[in-house]
Amino acid sequence: MKQRQTTYGLNEVAEKKQLLILLFLKHFWGLTAIMLEITIVLSLLLQKYIDVYLIGGLMLFNAIIGFIQESKAAKTVQALKQSLQVLVRVLRNSKWQQVLASQLVLGDIIRVRTGDFMTADAKIIDGEAGADQSALTGESMLISKKEGDMLFSGSVIKNGECNAVVTVNRG
């Protein structure tokens, strides 16, 4: 399991971290910000220094407030991700156990039951299930899955029970 995890990585989408300074500076980019920056340049050329200070100060204030709100929102999303971690039933060392979905690796055998959310693509090796793939296809029709069929990540199991082997690692 550890070797497969090293080879294929974790079953999660890697997050791209941005530098804080770039997150702050992006508040000075955009149609409104550029128009205000042009106004500042024109005010400088016309020697209207009060306008320059006023517009510049308001732009800076707006950027600081936006940066603070964006930082708080990112922290909230991170906290939600931590609290909403999905557990999966997996066969490891000849016994069934629950592990975090991010710990799944290619080749793991998982137990899928009614109400489960598929966190990785898997091929059914025994049993049957009805899958709601509307999040993937837009169709709300229940799709019957039997041995040899694929269960796709993002679908929800609406009925049945089966064992499946993880075939695609989302990482």
N, C-alpha and C. Protein backbone atom coordinates (compact mmCIF):
# COMPACT_ATOMS: atom_id res chain seq x y z
N MET A 1 0.83 -1.19 0.00
CA MET A 1 0.00 0.00 0.00
C MET A 1 0.87 1.25 0.00
N LYS A 2 1.87 1.30 0.86
CA LYS A 2 2.76 2.47 0.94
C LYS A 2 3.52 2.66 -0.37
N GLN A 3 3.93 1.54 -0.98
CA GLN A 3 4.65 1.63 -2.25
C GLN A 3 3.74 2.19 -3.34
N ARG A 4 2.50 1.70 -3.39
CA ARG A 4 1.55 2.22 -4.38
C ARG A 4 1.25 3.69 -4.13
N GLN A 5 1.16 4.07 -2.86
CA GLN A 5 0.91 5.47 -2.52
C GLN A 5 2.07 6.35 -2.95
N THR A 6 3.29 5.85 -2.80
CA THR A 6 4.46 6.60 -3.23
C THR A 6 4.49 6.71 -4.75
N THR A 7 4.14 5.63 -5.43
CA THR A 7 4.15 5.61 -6.89
C THR A 7 3.07 6.49 -7.49
N TYR A 8 1.83 6.36 -7.01
CA TYR A 8 0.69 7.04 -7.62
C TYR A 8 0.25 8.31 -6.90
N GLY A 9 0.69 8.51 -5.68
CA GLY A 9 0.30 9.70 -4.93
C GLY A 9 -1.02 9.51 -4.21
N LEU A 10 -1.42 10.55 -3.50
CA LEU A 10 -2.68 10.51 -2.75
C LEU A 10 -3.87 10.69 -3.67
N ASN A 11 -5.02 10.26 -3.23
CA ASN A 11 -6.26 10.37 -3.98
C ASN A 11 -6.90 11.73 -3.71
N GLU A 12 -6.22 12.78 -4.15
CA GLU A 12 -6.73 14.13 -3.95
C GLU A 12 -6.16 15.05 -5.01
N VAL A 13 -6.84 16.15 -5.21
CA VAL A 13 -6.39 17.14 -6.18
C VAL A 13 -5.42 18.07 -5.47
N ALA A 14 -4.24 18.22 -6.03
CA ALA A 14 -3.23 19.08 -5.41
C ALA A 14 -3.67 20.55 -5.50
N GLU A 15 -3.50 21.25 -4.39
CA GLU A 15 -3.86 22.66 -4.36
C GLU A 15 -2.66 23.52 -4.72
N LYS A 16 -2.94 24.54 -5.50
CA LYS A 16 -1.87 25.47 -5.87
C LYS A 16 -1.85 26.61 -4.85
N LYS A 17 -0.72 26.77 -4.21
CA LYS A 17 -0.55 27.84 -3.23
C LYS A 17 -0.02 29.07 -3.96
N GLN A 18 -0.62 30.23 -3.66
CA GLN A 18 -0.15 31.48 -4.24
C GLN A 18 0.55 32.30 -3.18
N LEU A 19 1.52 33.07 -3.61
CA LEU A 19 2.22 33.96 -2.69
C LEU A 19 1.25 35.02 -2.18
N LEU A 20 1.37 35.37 -0.90
CA LEU A 20 0.47 36.37 -0.30
C LEU A 20 0.58 37.71 -1.01
N ILE A 21 1.78 38.09 -1.42
CA ILE A 21 1.95 39.38 -2.08
C ILE A 21 1.21 39.41 -3.41
N LEU A 22 1.18 38.27 -4.12
CA LEU A 22 0.44 38.22 -5.39
C LEU A 22 -1.06 38.29 -5.15
N LEU A 23 -1.53 37.65 -4.06
CA LEU A 23 -2.95 37.73 -3.72
C LEU A 23 -3.35 39.17 -3.41
N PHE A 24 -2.45 39.91 -2.76
CA PHE A 24 -2.72 41.31 -2.44
C PHE A 24 -2.68 42.17 -3.70
N LEU A 25 -1.67 41.97 -4.54
CA LEU A 25 -1.49 42.80 -5.73
C LEU A 25 -2.59 42.60 -6.78
N LYS A 26 -3.24 41.43 -6.76
CA LYS A 26 -4.30 41.20 -7.75
C LYS A 26 -5.50 42.13 -7.54
N HIS A 27 -5.57 42.76 -6.37
CA HIS A 27 -6.65 43.72 -6.12
C HIS A 27 -6.41 45.04 -6.85
N PHE A 28 -5.24 45.19 -7.43
CA PHE A 28 -4.93 46.38 -8.21
C PHE A 28 -5.01 46.09 -9.71
N TRP A 29 -5.60 44.95 -10.05
CA TRP A 29 -5.74 44.54 -11.43
C TRP A 29 -7.21 44.32 -11.74
N GLY A 30 -7.64 44.74 -12.89
CA GLY A 30 -9.04 44.63 -13.28
C GLY A 30 -9.50 45.93 -13.90
N LEU A 31 -10.63 45.92 -14.52
CA LEU A 31 -11.13 47.07 -15.26
C LEU A 31 -11.27 48.31 -14.37
N THR A 32 -11.93 48.16 -13.24
CA THR A 32 -12.15 49.31 -12.35
C THR A 32 -10.83 49.83 -11.80
N ALA A 33 -9.97 48.92 -11.36
CA ALA A 33 -8.68 49.33 -10.80
C ALA A 33 -7.83 50.04 -11.85
N ILE A 34 -7.81 49.54 -13.06
CA ILE A 34 -7.02 50.18 -14.12
C ILE A 34 -7.57 51.56 -14.44
N MET A 35 -8.89 51.68 -14.47
CA MET A 35 -9.48 53.01 -14.72
C MET A 35 -9.10 53.98 -13.62
N LEU A 36 -9.11 53.54 -12.38
CA LEU A 36 -8.71 54.41 -11.28
C LEU A 36 -7.22 54.75 -11.35
N GLU A 37 -6.40 53.78 -11.76
CA GLU A 37 -4.97 54.05 -11.91
C GLU A 37 -4.71 55.07 -13.01
N ILE A 38 -5.45 54.98 -14.11
CA ILE A 38 -5.34 55.98 -15.18
C ILE A 38 -5.76 57.35 -14.66
N THR A 39 -6.81 57.36 -13.84
CA THR A 39 -7.28 58.63 -13.25
C THR A 39 -6.19 59.22 -12.35
N ILE A 40 -5.50 58.38 -11.62
CA ILE A 40 -4.40 58.86 -10.76
C ILE A 40 -3.31 59.48 -11.62
N VAL A 41 -2.93 58.82 -12.72
CA VAL A 41 -1.89 59.36 -13.61
C VAL A 41 -2.33 60.69 -14.21
N LEU A 42 -3.58 60.75 -14.66
CA LEU A 42 -4.09 62.02 -15.23
C LEU A 42 -4.12 63.12 -14.17
N SER A 43 -4.52 62.77 -12.97
CA SER A 43 -4.55 63.75 -11.88
C SER A 43 -3.14 64.24 -11.55
N LEU A 44 -2.16 63.34 -11.62
CA LEU A 44 -0.77 63.75 -11.41
C LEU A 44 -0.32 64.73 -12.49
N LEU A 45 -0.68 64.41 -13.75
CA LEU A 45 -0.31 65.30 -14.86
C LEU A 45 -0.97 66.68 -14.74
N LEU A 46 -2.19 66.68 -14.20
CA LEU A 46 -2.92 67.93 -14.03
C LEU A 46 -2.61 68.60 -12.69
N GLN A 47 -1.72 67.99 -11.94
CA GLN A 47 -1.28 68.49 -10.64
C GLN A 47 -2.43 68.63 -9.63
N LYS A 48 -3.35 67.68 -9.68
CA LYS A 48 -4.47 67.60 -8.73
C LYS A 48 -4.09 66.57 -7.66
N TYR A 49 -3.19 66.97 -6.78
CA TYR A 49 -2.59 66.04 -5.83
C TYR A 49 -3.58 65.53 -4.78
N ILE A 50 -4.57 66.32 -4.43
CA ILE A 50 -5.58 65.85 -3.47
C ILE A 50 -6.34 64.66 -4.06
N ASP A 51 -6.67 64.77 -5.35
CA ASP A 51 -7.36 63.65 -6.02
C ASP A 51 -6.47 62.40 -6.05
N VAL A 52 -5.17 62.60 -6.31
CA VAL A 52 -4.24 61.48 -6.34
C VAL A 52 -4.22 60.76 -4.99
N TYR A 53 -4.07 61.54 -3.91
CA TYR A 53 -4.03 60.95 -2.57
C TYR A 53 -5.35 60.28 -2.20
N LEU A 54 -6.45 60.92 -2.54
CA LEU A 54 -7.77 60.38 -2.21
C LEU A 54 -8.03 59.07 -2.96
N ILE A 55 -7.84 59.07 -4.27
CA ILE A 55 -8.09 57.86 -5.07
C ILE A 55 -7.10 56.76 -4.68
N GLY A 56 -5.83 57.11 -4.54
CA GLY A 56 -4.82 56.12 -4.14
C GLY A 56 -5.11 55.52 -2.78
N GLY A 57 -5.50 56.36 -1.83
CA GLY A 57 -5.83 55.88 -0.49
C GLY A 57 -7.03 54.96 -0.50
N LEU A 58 -8.05 55.32 -1.28
CA LEU A 58 -9.25 54.47 -1.35
C LEU A 58 -8.94 53.13 -2.03
N MET A 59 -8.08 53.18 -3.06
CA MET A 59 -7.68 51.92 -3.72
C MET A 59 -6.92 51.02 -2.75
N LEU A 60 -6.02 51.61 -2.00
CA LEU A 60 -5.24 50.85 -1.02
C LEU A 60 -6.15 50.27 0.06
N PHE A 61 -7.07 51.08 0.57
CA PHE A 61 -8.03 50.64 1.58
C PHE A 61 -8.86 49.48 1.05
N ASN A 62 -9.35 49.61 -0.18
CA ASN A 62 -10.15 48.56 -0.80
C ASN A 62 -9.34 47.28 -0.97
N ALA A 63 -8.08 47.40 -1.37
CA ALA A 63 -7.23 46.22 -1.54
C ALA A 63 -6.99 45.52 -0.21
N ILE A 64 -6.76 46.29 0.84
CA ILE A 64 -6.53 45.70 2.16
C ILE A 64 -7.77 44.96 2.66
N ILE A 65 -8.93 45.60 2.53
CA ILE A 65 -10.19 44.96 2.96
C ILE A 65 -10.45 43.70 2.14
N GLY A 66 -10.27 43.76 0.82
CA GLY A 66 -10.48 42.59 -0.04
C GLY A 66 -9.54 41.46 0.30
N PHE A 67 -8.28 41.79 0.57
CA PHE A 67 -7.27 40.78 0.93
C PHE A 67 -7.64 40.10 2.25
N ILE A 68 -8.06 40.88 3.22
CA ILE A 68 -8.44 40.32 4.52
C ILE A 68 -9.65 39.39 4.38
N GLN A 69 -10.65 39.82 3.62
CA GLN A 69 -11.84 38.99 3.43
C GLN A 69 -11.50 37.70 2.68
N GLU A 70 -10.65 37.82 1.66
CA GLU A 70 -10.25 36.64 0.90
C GLU A 70 -9.47 35.66 1.76
N SER A 71 -8.62 36.17 2.63
CA SER A 71 -7.85 35.31 3.54
C SER A 71 -8.76 34.58 4.51
N LYS A 72 -9.75 35.29 5.06
CA LYS A 72 -10.70 34.66 5.98
C LYS A 72 -11.52 33.58 5.26
N ALA A 73 -11.93 33.86 4.03
CA ALA A 73 -12.70 32.88 3.26
C ALA A 73 -11.86 31.64 2.97
N ALA A 74 -10.59 31.81 2.65
CA ALA A 74 -9.71 30.67 2.38
C ALA A 74 -9.53 29.82 3.63
N LYS A 75 -9.41 30.46 4.79
CA LYS A 75 -9.27 29.72 6.04
C LYS A 75 -10.55 28.94 6.36
N THR A 76 -11.70 29.54 6.07
CA THR A 76 -12.98 28.87 6.30
C THR A 76 -13.11 27.65 5.40
N VAL A 77 -12.75 27.79 4.13
CA VAL A 77 -12.81 26.66 3.20
C VAL A 77 -11.89 25.55 3.67
N GLN A 78 -10.70 25.90 4.11
CA GLN A 78 -9.74 24.90 4.61
C GLN A 78 -10.31 24.16 5.83
N ALA A 79 -10.94 24.89 6.73
CA ALA A 79 -11.54 24.27 7.92
C ALA A 79 -12.68 23.33 7.51
N LEU A 80 -13.49 23.73 6.52
CA LEU A 80 -14.56 22.86 6.03
C LEU A 80 -14.00 21.58 5.42
N LYS A 81 -12.93 21.72 4.65
CA LYS A 81 -12.31 20.53 4.06
C LYS A 81 -11.85 19.56 5.13
N GLN A 82 -11.30 20.08 6.21
CA GLN A 82 -10.83 19.23 7.30
C GLN A 82 -11.99 18.50 7.97
N SER A 83 -13.12 19.20 8.15
CA SER A 83 -14.24 18.58 8.86
C SER A 83 -15.10 17.68 7.98
N LEU A 84 -14.99 17.82 6.67
CA LEU A 84 -15.82 17.04 5.76
C LEU A 84 -15.05 15.93 5.05
N GLN A 85 -14.07 15.36 5.70
CA GLN A 85 -13.30 14.30 5.07
C GLN A 85 -14.13 13.03 4.99
N VAL A 86 -14.10 12.40 3.82
CA VAL A 86 -14.90 11.21 3.54
C VAL A 86 -14.12 9.96 3.93
N LEU A 87 -14.81 9.03 4.62
CA LEU A 87 -14.22 7.74 4.97
C LEU A 87 -14.68 6.68 3.96
N VAL A 88 -13.79 5.76 3.64
CA VAL A 88 -14.07 4.70 2.67
C VAL A 88 -13.74 3.36 3.30
N ARG A 89 -14.57 2.33 3.02
CA ARG A 89 -14.30 0.98 3.49
C ARG A 89 -13.36 0.31 2.48
N VAL A 90 -12.19 -0.12 2.95
CA VAL A 90 -11.19 -0.70 2.07
C VAL A 90 -10.65 -1.99 2.67
N LEU A 91 -10.31 -2.95 1.81
CA LEU A 91 -9.74 -4.23 2.25
C LEU A 91 -8.23 -4.10 2.27
N ARG A 92 -7.67 -4.10 3.48
CA ARG A 92 -6.22 -4.00 3.63
C ARG A 92 -5.79 -5.02 4.68
N ASN A 93 -4.69 -5.71 4.39
CA ASN A 93 -4.17 -6.74 5.30
C ASN A 93 -5.23 -7.79 5.62
N SER A 94 -6.00 -8.15 4.61
CA SER A 94 -7.04 -9.19 4.71
C SER A 94 -8.18 -8.84 5.66
N LYS A 95 -8.36 -7.55 5.98
CA LYS A 95 -9.51 -7.17 6.81
C LYS A 95 -10.05 -5.81 6.34
N TRP A 96 -11.35 -5.66 6.54
CA TRP A 96 -12.01 -4.42 6.13
C TRP A 96 -11.75 -3.34 7.17
N GLN A 97 -11.41 -2.15 6.70
CA GLN A 97 -11.18 -1.02 7.60
C GLN A 97 -11.60 0.27 6.91
N GLN A 98 -11.83 1.28 7.72
CA GLN A 98 -12.20 2.58 7.18
C GLN A 98 -10.96 3.47 7.14
N VAL A 99 -10.74 4.09 5.98
CA VAL A 99 -9.62 5.02 5.81
C VAL A 99 -10.15 6.29 5.15
N LEU A 100 -9.38 7.35 5.24
CA LEU A 100 -9.75 8.58 4.55
C LEU A 100 -9.70 8.35 3.04
N ALA A 101 -10.62 8.95 2.34
CA ALA A 101 -10.68 8.79 0.88
C ALA A 101 -9.37 9.21 0.23
N SER A 102 -8.68 10.17 0.81
CA SER A 102 -7.42 10.62 0.23
C SER A 102 -6.33 9.56 0.31
N GLN A 103 -6.52 8.54 1.15
CA GLN A 103 -5.53 7.48 1.32
C GLN A 103 -5.73 6.31 0.36
N LEU A 104 -6.78 6.37 -0.48
CA LEU A 104 -6.99 5.31 -1.47
C LEU A 104 -5.87 5.33 -2.49
N VAL A 105 -5.49 4.14 -2.96
CA VAL A 105 -4.49 4.04 -4.01
C VAL A 105 -4.98 3.08 -5.08
N LEU A 106 -4.38 3.19 -6.23
CA LEU A 106 -4.69 2.32 -7.35
C LEU A 106 -4.56 0.86 -6.91
N GLY A 107 -5.58 0.05 -7.18
CA GLY A 107 -5.54 -1.36 -6.82
C GLY A 107 -6.23 -1.70 -5.51
N ASP A 108 -6.61 -0.68 -4.71
CA ASP A 108 -7.34 -0.96 -3.47
C ASP A 108 -8.70 -1.55 -3.79
N ILE A 109 -9.14 -2.49 -2.95
CA ILE A 109 -10.48 -3.05 -3.08
C ILE A 109 -11.36 -2.34 -2.07
N ILE A 110 -12.45 -1.74 -2.56
CA ILE A 110 -13.34 -0.98 -1.69
C ILE A 110 -14.72 -1.61 -1.67
N ARG A 111 -15.44 -1.38 -0.57
CA ARG A 111 -16.81 -1.85 -0.41
C ARG A 111 -17.72 -0.65 -0.61
N VAL A 112 -18.64 -0.76 -1.56
CA VAL A 112 -19.54 0.35 -1.89
C VAL A 112 -20.96 -0.06 -1.54
N ARG A 113 -21.64 0.83 -0.81
CA ARG A 113 -23.02 0.56 -0.37
C ARG A 113 -23.93 1.73 -0.72
N THR A 114 -25.22 1.52 -0.55
CA THR A 114 -26.21 2.56 -0.78
C THR A 114 -25.87 3.81 0.02
N GLY A 115 -25.89 4.96 -0.66
CA GLY A 115 -25.62 6.24 -0.01
C GLY A 115 -24.17 6.68 -0.08
N ASP A 116 -23.29 5.79 -0.55
CA ASP A 116 -21.87 6.15 -0.63
C ASP A 116 -21.61 7.13 -1.78
N PHE A 117 -20.64 8.00 -1.56
CA PHE A 117 -20.16 8.94 -2.57
C PHE A 117 -18.85 8.38 -3.11
N MET A 118 -18.76 8.23 -4.41
CA MET A 118 -17.55 7.66 -5.01
C MET A 118 -16.45 8.73 -5.04
N THR A 119 -15.32 8.42 -4.43
CA THR A 119 -14.21 9.37 -4.36
C THR A 119 -13.09 9.01 -5.32
N ALA A 120 -13.23 7.90 -6.02
CA ALA A 120 -12.25 7.48 -7.03
C ALA A 120 -12.97 6.62 -8.05
N ASP A 121 -12.44 6.54 -9.25
CA ASP A 121 -13.00 5.63 -10.25
C ASP A 121 -12.67 4.21 -9.83
N ALA A 122 -13.64 3.31 -10.00
CA ALA A 122 -13.42 1.92 -9.59
C ALA A 122 -14.21 0.98 -10.50
N LYS A 123 -13.68 -0.22 -10.68
CA LYS A 123 -14.33 -1.24 -11.50
C LYS A 123 -14.95 -2.28 -10.58
N ILE A 124 -16.23 -2.58 -10.79
CA ILE A 124 -16.95 -3.54 -9.94
C ILE A 124 -16.40 -4.94 -10.18
N ILE A 125 -16.04 -5.63 -9.08
CA ILE A 125 -15.54 -7.01 -9.20
C ILE A 125 -16.55 -8.03 -8.71
N ASP A 126 -17.50 -7.62 -7.87
CA ASP A 126 -18.65 -8.47 -7.54
C ASP A 126 -19.76 -7.63 -6.94
N GLY A 127 -20.99 -8.03 -7.24
CA GLY A 127 -22.16 -7.32 -6.75
C GLY A 127 -22.74 -6.39 -7.82
N GLU A 128 -23.78 -5.67 -7.42
CA GLU A 128 -24.46 -4.74 -8.33
C GLU A 128 -24.82 -3.49 -7.57
N ALA A 129 -24.95 -2.39 -8.31
CA ALA A 129 -25.31 -1.12 -7.68
C ALA A 129 -25.99 -0.23 -8.70
N GLY A 130 -26.78 0.70 -8.19
CA GLY A 130 -27.39 1.72 -9.03
C GLY A 130 -26.71 3.04 -8.73
N ALA A 131 -26.17 3.68 -9.76
CA ALA A 131 -25.39 4.90 -9.55
C ALA A 131 -26.09 6.12 -10.14
N ASP A 132 -26.08 7.20 -9.38
CA ASP A 132 -26.57 8.49 -9.86
C ASP A 132 -25.34 9.27 -10.33
N GLN A 133 -25.21 9.41 -11.63
CA GLN A 133 -24.06 10.10 -12.22
C GLN A 133 -24.43 11.48 -12.72
N SER A 134 -25.50 12.05 -12.17
CA SER A 134 -25.98 13.34 -12.66
C SER A 134 -24.96 14.45 -12.49
N ALA A 135 -24.10 14.35 -11.49
CA ALA A 135 -23.07 15.38 -11.31
C ALA A 135 -22.05 15.34 -12.45
N LEU A 136 -21.93 14.18 -13.09
CA LEU A 136 -20.96 14.02 -14.18
C LEU A 136 -21.59 14.22 -15.55
N THR A 137 -22.80 13.69 -15.72
CA THR A 137 -23.41 13.67 -17.05
C THR A 137 -24.56 14.66 -17.22
N GLY A 138 -25.14 15.10 -16.11
CA GLY A 138 -26.30 15.98 -16.17
C GLY A 138 -27.61 15.22 -16.27
N GLU A 139 -27.54 13.91 -16.48
CA GLU A 139 -28.74 13.09 -16.57
C GLU A 139 -29.10 12.57 -15.18
N SER A 140 -30.37 12.69 -14.82
CA SER A 140 -30.79 12.28 -13.49
C SER A 140 -31.23 10.83 -13.42
N MET A 141 -31.13 10.10 -14.52
CA MET A 141 -31.56 8.71 -14.56
C MET A 141 -30.57 7.82 -13.79
N LEU A 142 -31.12 6.90 -13.01
CA LEU A 142 -30.30 5.95 -12.26
C LEU A 142 -29.70 4.94 -13.25
N ILE A 143 -28.41 4.69 -13.14
CA ILE A 143 -27.73 3.79 -14.05
C ILE A 143 -27.34 2.52 -13.30
N SER A 144 -27.80 1.38 -13.79
CA SER A 144 -27.49 0.10 -13.16
C SER A 144 -26.07 -0.31 -13.52
N LYS A 145 -25.34 -0.73 -12.50
CA LYS A 145 -23.95 -1.16 -12.69
C LYS A 145 -23.83 -2.59 -12.18
N LYS A 146 -23.14 -3.43 -12.95
CA LYS A 146 -22.93 -4.83 -12.56
C LYS A 146 -21.44 -5.15 -12.68
N GLU A 147 -21.09 -6.38 -12.38
CA GLU A 147 -19.69 -6.81 -12.41
C GLU A 147 -19.04 -6.45 -13.75
N GLY A 148 -17.88 -5.81 -13.69
CA GLY A 148 -17.15 -5.39 -14.89
C GLY A 148 -17.41 -3.94 -15.28
N ASP A 149 -18.49 -3.33 -14.75
CA ASP A 149 -18.79 -1.93 -15.06
C ASP A 149 -17.97 -0.99 -14.18
N MET A 150 -17.85 0.25 -14.64
CA MET A 150 -17.10 1.27 -13.90
C MET A 150 -18.03 2.13 -13.05
N LEU A 151 -17.58 2.45 -11.86
CA LEU A 151 -18.21 3.45 -11.01
C LEU A 151 -17.28 4.66 -11.05
N PHE A 152 -17.82 5.82 -11.39
CA PHE A 152 -16.98 6.99 -11.59
C PHE A 152 -16.98 7.92 -10.39
N SER A 153 -15.83 8.51 -10.14
CA SER A 153 -15.67 9.46 -9.06
C SER A 153 -16.67 10.61 -9.24
N GLY A 154 -17.35 10.96 -8.16
CA GLY A 154 -18.35 12.02 -8.20
C GLY A 154 -19.77 11.50 -8.28
N SER A 155 -19.94 10.20 -8.55
CA SER A 155 -21.29 9.64 -8.58
C SER A 155 -21.69 9.18 -7.19
N VAL A 156 -23.00 9.01 -6.99
CA VAL A 156 -23.55 8.60 -5.70
C VAL A 156 -24.26 7.26 -5.89
N ILE A 157 -24.02 6.33 -4.99
CA ILE A 157 -24.65 5.01 -5.07
C ILE A 157 -26.05 5.11 -4.44
N LYS A 158 -27.07 4.83 -5.25
CA LYS A 158 -28.46 4.97 -4.79
C LYS A 158 -29.06 3.66 -4.30
N ASN A 159 -28.56 2.53 -4.81
CA ASN A 159 -29.03 1.25 -4.30
C ASN A 159 -28.00 0.17 -4.61
N GLY A 160 -28.08 -0.92 -3.88
CA GLY A 160 -27.19 -2.04 -4.10
C GLY A 160 -25.95 -1.99 -3.24
N GLU A 161 -25.11 -3.01 -3.47
CA GLU A 161 -23.88 -3.16 -2.70
C GLU A 161 -22.91 -3.96 -3.56
N CYS A 162 -21.64 -3.53 -3.55
CA CYS A 162 -20.65 -4.24 -4.36
C CYS A 162 -19.25 -3.98 -3.86
N ASN A 163 -18.33 -4.82 -4.34
CA ASN A 163 -16.90 -4.60 -4.12
C ASN A 163 -16.34 -4.12 -5.45
N ALA A 164 -15.37 -3.20 -5.36
CA ALA A 164 -14.79 -2.65 -6.59
C ALA A 164 -13.31 -2.40 -6.35
N VAL A 165 -12.55 -2.41 -7.44
CA VAL A 165 -11.12 -2.13 -7.35
C VAL A 165 -10.86 -0.73 -7.93
N VAL A 166 -10.09 0.07 -7.19
CA VAL A 166 -9.78 1.44 -7.60
C VAL A 166 -8.91 1.36 -8.86
N THR A 167 -9.35 2.02 -9.92
CA THR A 167 -8.61 1.94 -11.19
C THR A 167 -7.94 3.26 -11.58
N VAL A 168 -8.47 4.37 -11.12
CA VAL A 168 -7.87 5.66 -11.47
C VAL A 168 -7.67 6.44 -10.20
N ASN A 169 -6.48 6.91 -10.00
CA ASN A 169 -6.14 7.70 -8.82
C ASN A 169 -6.27 9.17 -9.18
N ARG A 170 -7.09 9.90 -8.45
CA ARG A 170 -7.29 11.33 -8.71
C ARG A 170 -6.20 12.12 -8.00
N GLY A 171 -5.07 12.32 -8.57
CA GLY A 171 -4.02 13.04 -7.90
C GLY A 171 -3.15 13.82 -8.81
